Amino acid sequence: MSEAVTTTDHDKIRRWVEEREGRPAVVRTSGSGGLLRIDFGEPEENLEELSWDEFFEIFDDNDLAFLHQNRTSDGNTSRFHKFVERGK
């Protein structure tokens, strides 16, 4: 199944990311917030790794949801994801 699903459940998001060897990260903007990202593989220079608590604080403060795909159409593990506004 290659359908994308949306969740706001912190445990599900963390499990999905960690199963793919990802880490919570942010591209810092002005202030204490930033653009949330998931960093896979070697850490990217422009990303700052976050604790899960920091990540979910930004996630909730910005009313985000996590749109993700579990499997590609050919059955492989998918890393497709993006952050969307809740209720969209």
PDB file of N, CA and C in Angstrom:
ATOM      1  N   MET A   1       0.849  -1.178   0.000  1.00  0.00           N
ATOM      2  CA  MET A   1       0.000   0.000   0.000  1.00  0.00           C
ATOM      3  C   MET A   1       0.891   1.237   0.000  1.00  0.00           C
ATOM      4  N   SER A   2       0.685   2.134  -0.936  1.00  0.00           N
ATOM      5  CA  SER A   2       1.535   3.314  -1.057  1.00  0.00           C
ATOM      6  C   SER A   2       0.801   4.600  -0.676  1.00  0.00           C
ATOM      7  N   GLU A   3      -0.320   4.465  -0.012  1.00  0.00           N
ATOM      8  CA  GLU A   3      -1.125   5.613   0.362  1.00  0.00           C
ATOM      9  C   GLU A   3      -0.466   6.395   1.494  1.00  0.00           C
ATOM     10  N   ALA A   4      -0.510   7.717   1.419  1.00  0.00           N
ATOM     11  CA  ALA A   4       0.018   8.564   2.481  1.00  0.00           C
ATOM     12  C   ALA A   4      -1.070   8.785   3.532  1.00  0.00           C
ATOM     13  N   VAL A   5      -0.654   8.823   4.791  1.00  0.00           N
ATOM     14  CA  VAL A   5      -1.573   9.041   5.906  1.00  0.00           C
ATOM     15  C   VAL A   5      -1.049  10.190   6.762  1.00  0.00           C
ATOM     16  N   THR A   6      -1.948  10.800   7.501  1.00  0.00           N
ATOM     17  CA  THR A   6      -1.594  11.925   8.363  1.00  0.00           C
ATOM     18  C   THR A   6      -1.828  11.547   9.816  1.00  0.00           C
ATOM     19  N   THR A   7      -0.918  11.992  10.680  1.00  0.00           N
ATOM     20  CA  THR A   7      -1.073  11.770  12.112  1.00  0.00           C
ATOM     21  C   THR A   7      -0.508  12.949  12.889  1.00  0.00           C
ATOM     22  N   THR A   8      -0.992  13.109  14.109  1.00  0.00           N
ATOM     23  CA  THR A   8      -0.419  14.052  15.061  1.00  0.00           C
ATOM     24  C   THR A   8       0.089  13.310  16.291  1.00  0.00           C
ATOM     25  N   ASP A   9      -0.017  11.994  16.281  1.00  0.00           N
ATOM     26  CA  ASP A   9       0.390  11.156  17.410  1.00  0.00           C
ATOM     27  C   ASP A   9       1.914  11.129  17.533  1.00  0.00           C
ATOM     28  N   HIS A  10       2.428  11.673  18.614  1.00  0.00           N
ATOM     29  CA  HIS A  10       3.872  11.778  18.811  1.00  0.00           C
ATOM     30  C   HIS A  10       4.572  10.419  18.779  1.00  0.00           C
ATOM     31  N   ASP A  11       3.978   9.423  19.405  1.00  0.00           N
ATOM     32  CA  ASP A  11       4.599   8.093  19.434  1.00  0.00           C
ATOM     33  C   ASP A  11       4.688   7.483  18.037  1.00  0.00           C
ATOM     34  N   LYS A  12       3.642   7.632  17.245  1.00  0.00           N
ATOM     35  CA  LYS A  12       3.658   7.099  15.876  1.00  0.00           C
ATOM     36  C   LYS A  12       4.696   7.797  15.020  1.00  0.00           C
ATOM     37  N   ILE A  13       4.785   9.117  15.167  1.00  0.00           N
ATOM     38  CA  ILE A  13       5.763   9.886  14.382  1.00  0.00           C
ATOM     39  C   ILE A  13       7.172   9.461  14.759  1.00  0.00           C
ATOM     40  N   ARG A  14       7.450   9.403  16.051  1.00  0.00           N
ATOM     41  CA  ARG A  14       8.790   9.024  16.514  1.00  0.00           C
ATOM     42  C   ARG A  14       9.164   7.625  16.043  1.00  0.00           C
ATOM     43  N   ARG A  15       8.224   6.699  16.135  1.00  0.00           N
ATOM     44  CA  ARG A  15       8.473   5.314  15.699  1.00  0.00           C
ATOM     45  C   ARG A  15       8.773   5.272  14.192  1.00  0.00           C
ATOM     46  N   TRP A  16       7.976   5.991  13.384  1.00  0.00           N
ATOM     47  CA  TRP A  16       8.177   6.014  11.929  1.00  0.00           C
ATOM     48  C   TRP A  16       9.567   6.543  11.604  1.00  0.00           C
ATOM     49  N   VAL A  17       9.966   7.642  12.233  1.00  0.00           N
ATOM     50  CA  VAL A  17      11.273   8.259  11.978  1.00  0.00           C
ATOM     51  C   VAL A  17      12.405   7.331  12.401  1.00  0.00           C
ATOM     52  N   GLU A  18      12.325   6.787  13.603  1.00  0.00           N
ATOM     53  CA  GLU A  18      13.403   5.946  14.119  1.00  0.00           C
ATOM     54  C   GLU A  18      13.531   4.633  13.351  1.00  0.00           C
ATOM     55  N   GLU A  19      12.429   4.094  12.847  1.00  0.00           N
ATOM     56  CA  GLU A  19      12.495   2.873  12.028  1.00  0.00           C
ATOM     57  C   GLU A  19      13.275   3.112  10.738  1.00  0.00           C
ATOM     58  N   ARG A  20      13.377   4.363  10.319  1.00  0.00           N
ATOM     59  CA  ARG A  20      14.087   4.739   9.092  1.00  0.00           C
ATOM     60  C   ARG A  20      15.433   5.402   9.389  1.00  0.00           C
ATOM     61  N   GLU A  21      15.860   5.275  10.645  1.00  0.00           N
ATOM     62  CA  GLU A  21      17.134   5.812  11.124  1.00  0.00           C
ATOM     63  C   GLU A  21      17.237   7.320  10.927  1.00  0.00           C
ATOM     64  N   GLY A  22      16.124   7.996  11.141  1.00  0.00           N
ATOM     65  CA  GLY A  22      16.089   9.451  11.054  1.00  0.00           C
ATOM     66  C   GLY A  22      16.211  10.092  12.424  1.00  0.00           C
ATOM     67  N   ARG A  23      16.439  11.404  12.389  1.00  0.00           N
ATOM     68  CA  ARG A  23      16.574  12.187  13.604  1.00  0.00           C
ATOM     69  C   ARG A  23      15.769  13.471  13.449  1.00  0.00           C
ATOM     70  N   PRO A  24      15.152  13.945  14.531  1.00  0.00           N
ATOM     71  CA  PRO A  24      14.437  15.223  14.457  1.00  0.00           C
ATOM     72  C   PRO A  24      15.434  16.367  14.325  1.00  0.00           C
ATOM     73  N   ALA A  25      15.104  17.325  13.480  1.00  0.00           N
ATOM     74  CA  ALA A  25      16.002  18.449  13.231  1.00  0.00           C
ATOM     75  C   ALA A  25      15.189  19.680  12.865  1.00  0.00           C
ATOM     76  N   VAL A  26      15.897  20.795  12.793  1.00  0.00           N
ATOM     77  CA  VAL A  26      15.257  22.055  12.460  1.00  0.00           C
ATOM     78  C   VAL A  26      16.222  22.903  11.648  1.00  0.00           C
ATOM     79  N   VAL A  27      15.652  23.679  10.721  1.00  0.00           N
ATOM     80  CA  VAL A  27      16.385  24.752  10.065  1.00  0.00           C
ATOM     81  C   VAL A  27      15.992  25.981  10.860  1.00  0.00           C
ATOM     82  N   ARG A  28      16.934  26.546  11.584  1.00  0.00           N
ATOM     83  CA  ARG A  28      16.626  27.678  12.467  1.00  0.00           C
ATOM     84  C   ARG A  28      16.279  28.927  11.667  1.00  0.00           C
ATOM     85  N   THR A  29      15.230  29.585  12.124  1.00  0.00           N
ATOM     86  CA  THR A  29      14.860  30.892  11.608  1.00  0.00           C
ATOM     87  C   THR A  29      14.975  31.846  12.790  1.00  0.00           C
ATOM     88  N   SER A  30      14.541  33.049  12.644  1.00  0.00           N
ATOM     89  CA  SER A  30      14.616  33.969  13.777  1.00  0.00           C
ATOM     90  C   SER A  30      13.729  33.466  14.908  1.00  0.00           C
ATOM     91  N   GLY A  31      14.142  33.726  16.131  1.00  0.00           N
ATOM     92  CA  GLY A  31      13.365  33.291  17.286  1.00  0.00           C
ATOM     93  C   GLY A  31      13.709  31.877  17.684  1.00  0.00           C
ATOM     94  N   SER A  32      12.835  31.289  18.479  1.00  0.00           N
ATOM     95  CA  SER A  32      13.104  29.952  19.009  1.00  0.00           C
ATOM     96  C   SER A  32      12.524  28.842  18.154  1.00  0.00           C
ATOM     97  N   GLY A  33      11.759  29.170  17.145  1.00  0.00           N
ATOM     98  CA  GLY A  33      11.146  28.163  16.286  1.00  0.00           C
ATOM     99  C   GLY A  33      12.067  27.743  15.172  1.00  0.00           C
ATOM    100  N   GLY A  34      11.492  27.345  14.078  1.00  0.00           N
ATOM    101  CA  GLY A  34      12.264  26.938  12.921  1.00  0.00           C
ATOM    102  C   GLY A  34      11.431  26.041  12.041  1.00  0.00           C
ATOM    103  N   LEU A  35      12.027  25.647  10.928  1.00  0.00           N
ATOM    104  CA  LEU A  35      11.360  24.753   9.985  1.00  0.00           C
ATOM    105  C   LEU A  35      11.748  23.331  10.333  1.00  0.00           C
ATOM    106  N   LEU A  36      10.779  22.538  10.719  1.00  0.00           N
ATOM    107  CA  LEU A  36      11.061  21.166  11.114  1.00  0.00           C
ATOM    108  C   LEU A  36      11.479  20.320   9.931  1.00  0.00           C
ATOM    109  N   ARG A  37      12.396  19.427  10.184  1.00  0.00           N
ATOM    110  CA  ARG A  37      12.890  18.486   9.186  1.00  0.00           C
ATOM    111  C   ARG A  37      13.176  17.166   9.880  1.00  0.00           C
ATOM    112  N   ILE A  38      13.277  16.117   9.076  1.00  0.00           N
ATOM    113  CA  ILE A  38      13.786  14.829   9.539  1.00  0.00           C
ATOM    114  C   ILE A  38      15.096  14.629   8.801  1.00  0.00           C
ATOM    115  N   ASP A  39      16.155  14.381   9.547  1.00  0.00           N
ATOM    116  CA  ASP A  39      17.487  14.215   8.982  1.00  0.00           C
ATOM    117  C   ASP A  39      17.799  12.724   8.916  1.00  0.00           C
ATOM    118  N   PHE A  40      18.066  12.229   7.721  1.00  0.00           N
ATOM    119  CA  PHE A  40      18.405  10.821   7.509  1.00  0.00           C
ATOM    120  C   PHE A  40      19.881  10.704   7.146  1.00  0.00           C
ATOM    121  N   GLY A  41      20.513   9.634   7.552  1.00  0.00           N
ATOM    122  CA  GLY A  41      21.901   9.387   7.165  1.00  0.00           C
ATOM    123  C   GLY A  41      22.860  10.326   7.858  1.00  0.00           C
ATOM    124  N   GLU A  42      23.865  10.767   7.124  1.00  0.00           N
ATOM    125  CA  GLU A  42      24.854  11.701   7.668  1.00  0.00           C
ATOM    126  C   GLU A  42      24.164  13.022   7.997  1.00  0.00           C
ATOM    127  N   PRO A  43      24.471  13.607   9.160  1.00  0.00           N
ATOM    128  CA  PRO A  43      23.840  14.891   9.519  1.00  0.00           C
ATOM    129  C   PRO A  43      24.120  15.970   8.472  1.00  0.00           C
ATOM    130  N   GLU A  44      23.073  16.681   8.085  1.00  0.00           N
ATOM    131  CA  GLU A  44      23.222  17.767   7.119  1.00  0.00           C
ATOM    132  C   GLU A  44      23.699  19.020   7.845  1.00  0.00           C
ATOM    133  N   GLU A  45      24.597  19.743   7.206  1.00  0.00           N
ATOM    134  CA  GLU A  45      25.226  20.909   7.809  1.00  0.00           C
ATOM    135  C   GLU A  45      24.239  22.004   8.191  1.00  0.00           C
ATOM    136  N   ASN A  46      23.205  22.203   7.380  1.00  0.00           N
ATOM    137  CA  ASN A  46      22.267  23.299   7.634  1.00  0.00           C
ATOM    138  C   ASN A  46      21.169  22.936   8.629  1.00  0.00           C
ATOM    139  N   LEU A  47      21.209  21.703   9.144  1.00  0.00           N
ATOM    140  CA  LEU A  47      20.193  21.275  10.099  1.00  0.00           C
ATOM    141  C   LEU A  47      20.776  21.178  11.496  1.00  0.00           C
ATOM    142  N   GLU A  48      19.965  21.567  12.470  1.00  0.00           N
ATOM    143  CA  GLU A  48      20.337  21.453  13.868  1.00  0.00           C
ATOM    144  C   GLU A  48      19.505  20.325  14.477  1.00  0.00           C
ATOM    145  N   GLU A  49      20.172  19.322  15.008  1.00  0.00           N
ATOM    146  CA  GLU A  49      19.454  18.201  15.619  1.00  0.00           C
ATOM    147  C   GLU A  49      18.744  18.682  16.877  1.00  0.00           C
ATOM    148  N   LEU A  50      17.546  18.159  17.103  1.00  0.00           N
ATOM    149  CA  LEU A  50      16.720  18.510  18.253  1.00  0.00           C
ATOM    150  C   LEU A  50      16.439  17.280  19.097  1.00  0.00           C
ATOM    151  N   SER A  51      16.106  17.508  20.343  1.00  0.00           N
ATOM    152  CA  SER A  51      15.553  16.430  21.155  1.00  0.00           C
ATOM    153  C   SER A  51      14.113  16.217  20.683  1.00  0.00           C
ATOM    154  N   TRP A  52      13.560  15.072  20.982  1.00  0.00           N
ATOM    155  CA  TRP A  52      12.169  14.836  20.615  1.00  0.00           C
ATOM    156  C   TRP A  52      11.253  15.828  21.317  1.00  0.00           C
ATOM    157  N   ASP A  53      11.557  16.192  22.564  1.00  0.00           N
ATOM    158  CA  ASP A  53      10.721  17.156  23.281  1.00  0.00           C
ATOM    159  C   ASP A  53      10.696  18.506  22.571  1.00  0.00           C
ATOM    160  N   GLU A  54      11.876  18.993  22.147  1.00  0.00           N
ATOM    161  CA  GLU A  54      11.946  20.263  21.414  1.00  0.00           C
ATOM    162  C   GLU A  54      11.197  20.168  20.089  1.00  0.00           C
ATOM    163  N   PHE A  55      11.392  19.060  19.398  1.00  0.00           N
ATOM    164  CA  PHE A  55      10.751  18.835  18.107  1.00  0.00           C
ATOM    165  C   PHE A  55       9.230  18.910  18.242  1.00  0.00           C
ATOM    166  N   PHE A  56       8.693  18.175  19.212  1.00  0.00           N
ATOM    167  CA  PHE A  56       7.236  18.134  19.354  1.00  0.00           C
ATOM    168  C   PHE A  56       6.670  19.439  19.921  1.00  0.00           C
ATOM    169  N   GLU A  57       7.465  20.204  20.635  1.00  0.00           N
ATOM    170  CA  GLU A  57       7.014  21.516  21.087  1.00  0.00           C
ATOM    171  C   GLU A  57       6.790  22.426  19.887  1.00  0.00           C
ATOM    172  N   ILE A  58       7.732  22.449  18.957  1.00  0.00           N
ATOM    173  CA  ILE A  58       7.583  23.248  17.726  1.00  0.00           C
ATOM    174  C   ILE A  58       6.425  22.702  16.886  1.00  0.00           C
ATOM    175  N   PHE A  59       6.347  21.385  16.767  1.00  0.00           N
ATOM    176  CA  PHE A  59       5.300  20.705  16.010  1.00  0.00           C
ATOM    177  C   PHE A  59       3.915  21.132  16.504  1.00  0.00           C
ATOM    178  N   ASP A  60       3.711  21.056  17.821  1.00  0.00           N
ATOM    179  CA  ASP A  60       2.407  21.395  18.393  1.00  0.00           C
ATOM    180  C   ASP A  60       2.136  22.895  18.379  1.00  0.00           C
ATOM    181  N   ASP A  61       3.161  23.700  18.672  1.00  0.00           N
ATOM    182  CA  ASP A  61       2.983  25.158  18.676  1.00  0.00           C
ATOM    183  C   ASP A  61       2.560  25.681  17.307  1.00  0.00           C
ATOM    184  N   ASN A  62       2.949  24.982  16.255  1.00  0.00           N
ATOM    185  CA  ASN A  62       2.614  25.409  14.895  1.00  0.00           C
ATOM    186  C   ASN A  62       1.428  24.658  14.304  1.00  0.00           C
ATOM    187  N   ASP A  63       0.724  23.881  15.129  1.00  0.00           N
ATOM    188  CA  ASP A  63      -0.462  23.123  14.696  1.00  0.00           C
ATOM    189  C   ASP A  63      -0.193  22.301  13.447  1.00  0.00           C
ATOM    190  N   LEU A  64       0.903  21.545  13.494  1.00  0.00           N
ATOM    191  CA  LEU A  64       1.280  20.725  12.345  1.00  0.00           C
ATOM    192  C   LEU A  64       0.771  19.296  12.480  1.00  0.00           C
ATOM    193  N   ALA A  65       0.693  18.637  11.348  1.00  0.00           N
ATOM    194  CA  ALA A  65       0.417  17.208  11.266  1.00  0.00           C
ATOM    195  C   ALA A  65       1.523  16.599  10.410  1.00  0.00           C
ATOM    196  N   PHE A  66       1.723  15.310  10.555  1.00  0.00           N
ATOM    197  CA  PHE A  66       2.789  14.596   9.853  1.00  0.00           C
ATOM    198  C   PHE A  66       2.162  13.712   8.783  1.00  0.00           C
ATOM    199  N   LEU A  67       2.362  14.091   7.529  1.00  0.00           N
ATOM    200  CA  LEU A  67       1.889  13.320   6.383  1.00  0.00           C
ATOM    201  C   LEU A  67       3.024  12.401   5.968  1.00  0.00           C
ATOM    202  N   HIS A  68       2.755  11.110   5.894  1.00  0.00           N
ATOM    203  CA  HIS A  68       3.825  10.161   5.598  1.00  0.00           C
ATOM    204  C   HIS A  68       3.300   8.939   4.865  1.00  0.00           C
ATOM    205  N   GLN A  69       4.226   8.236   4.270  1.00  0.00           N
ATOM    206  CA  GLN A  69       3.927   7.017   3.526  1.00  0.00           C
ATOM    207  C   GLN A  69       4.741   5.892   4.169  1.00  0.00           C
ATOM    208  N   ASN A  70       4.100   4.778   4.442  1.00  0.00           N
ATOM    209  CA  ASN A  70       4.805   3.645   5.044  1.00  0.00           C
ATOM    210  C   ASN A  70       5.558   2.812   4.017  1.00  0.00           C
ATOM    211  N   ARG A  71       4.942   2.580   2.875  1.00  0.00           N
ATOM    212  CA  ARG A  71       5.544   1.752   1.826  1.00  0.00           C
ATOM    213  C   ARG A  71       5.397   2.437   0.475  1.00  0.00           C
ATOM    214  N   THR A  72       6.384   2.217  -0.388  1.00  0.00           N
ATOM    215  CA  THR A  72       6.283   2.698  -1.756  1.00  0.00           C
ATOM    216  C   THR A  72       5.329   1.790  -2.525  1.00  0.00           C
ATOM    217  N   SER A  73       4.991   2.163  -3.737  1.00  0.00           N
ATOM    218  CA  SER A  73       4.065   1.348  -4.533  1.00  0.00           C
ATOM    219  C   SER A  73       4.623  -0.040  -4.831  1.00  0.00           C
ATOM    220  N   ASP A  74       5.959  -0.194  -4.806  1.00  0.00           N
ATOM    221  CA  ASP A  74       6.540  -1.521  -5.039  1.00  0.00           C
ATOM    222  C   ASP A  74       6.827  -2.281  -3.745  1.00  0.00           C
ATOM    223  N   GLY A  75       6.349  -1.749  -2.613  1.00  0.00           N
ATOM    224  CA  GLY A  75       6.437  -2.465  -1.346  1.00  0.00           C
ATOM    225  C   GLY A  75       7.653  -2.170  -0.490  1.00  0.00           C
ATOM    226  N   ASN A  76       8.540  -1.302  -0.942  1.00  0.00           N
ATOM    227  CA  ASN A  76       9.720  -0.952  -0.144  1.00  0.00           C
ATOM    228  C   ASN A  76       9.369   0.064   0.931  1.00  0.00           C
ATOM    229  N   THR A  77      10.204   0.143   1.957  1.00  0.00           N
ATOM    230  CA  THR A  77      10.016   1.132   3.009  1.00  0.00           C
ATOM    231  C   THR A  77      10.169   2.525   2.418  1.00  0.00           C
ATOM    232  N   SER A  78       9.222   3.387   2.721  1.00  0.00           N
ATOM    233  CA  SER A  78       9.226   4.748   2.189  1.00  0.00           C
ATOM    234  C   SER A  78       9.725   5.734   3.239  1.00  0.00           C
ATOM    235  N   ARG A  79      10.417   6.760   2.769  1.00  0.00           N
ATOM    236  CA  ARG A  79      10.810   7.879   3.625  1.00  0.00           C
ATOM    237  C   ARG A  79      10.010   9.130   3.289  1.00  0.00           C
ATOM    238  N   PHE A  80       9.019   8.996   2.407  1.00  0.00           N
ATOM    239  CA  PHE A  80       8.229  10.167   2.028  1.00  0.00           C
ATOM    240  C   PHE A  80       7.485  10.703   3.240  1.00  0.00           C
ATOM    241  N   HIS A  81       7.649  12.009   3.462  1.00  0.00           N
ATOM    242  CA  HIS A  81       6.940  12.678   4.548  1.00  0.00           C
ATOM    243  C   HIS A  81       6.941  14.176   4.293  1.00  0.00           C
ATOM    244  N   LYS A  82       6.024  14.853   4.936  1.00  0.00           N
ATOM    245  CA  LYS A  82       6.052  16.307   4.973  1.00  0.00           C
ATOM    246  C   LYS A  82       5.169  16.770   6.118  1.00  0.00           C
ATOM    247  N   PHE A  83       5.414  17.999   6.534  1.00  0.00           N
ATOM    248  CA  PHE A  83       4.639  18.596   7.592  1.00  0.00           C
ATOM    249  C   PHE A  83       3.570  19.465   6.968  1.00  0.00           C
ATOM    250  N   VAL A  84       2.337  19.292   7.424  1.00  0.00           N
ATOM    251  CA  VAL A  84       1.191  20.017   6.877  1.00  0.00           C
ATOM    252  C   VAL A  84       0.403  20.634   8.019  1.00  0.00           C
ATOM    253  N   GLU A  85      -0.432  21.596   7.677  1.00  0.00           N
ATOM    254  CA  GLU A  85      -1.303  22.193   8.681  1.00  0.00           C
ATOM    255  C   GLU A  85      -2.338  21.154   9.118  1.00  0.00           C
ATOM    256  N   ARG A  86      -2.649  21.156  10.388  1.00  0.00           N
ATOM    257  CA  ARG A  86      -3.681  20.232  10.886  1.00  0.00           C
ATOM    258  C   ARG A  86      -5.014  20.569  10.264  1.00  0.00           C
ATOM    259  N   GLY A  87      -5.766  19.523   9.955  1.00  0.00           N
ATOM    260  CA  GLY A  87      -7.076  19.722   9.372  1.00  0.00           C
ATOM    261  C   GLY A  87      -7.073  19.953   7.880  1.00  0.00           C
ATOM    262  N   LYS A  88      -5.886  19.879   7.248  1.00  0.00           N
ATOM    263  CA  LYS A  88      -5.794  20.099   5.796  1.00  0.00           C
ATOM    264  C   LYS A  88      -5.685  18.774   5.087  1.00  0.00           C
TER     265      LYS A  88
END
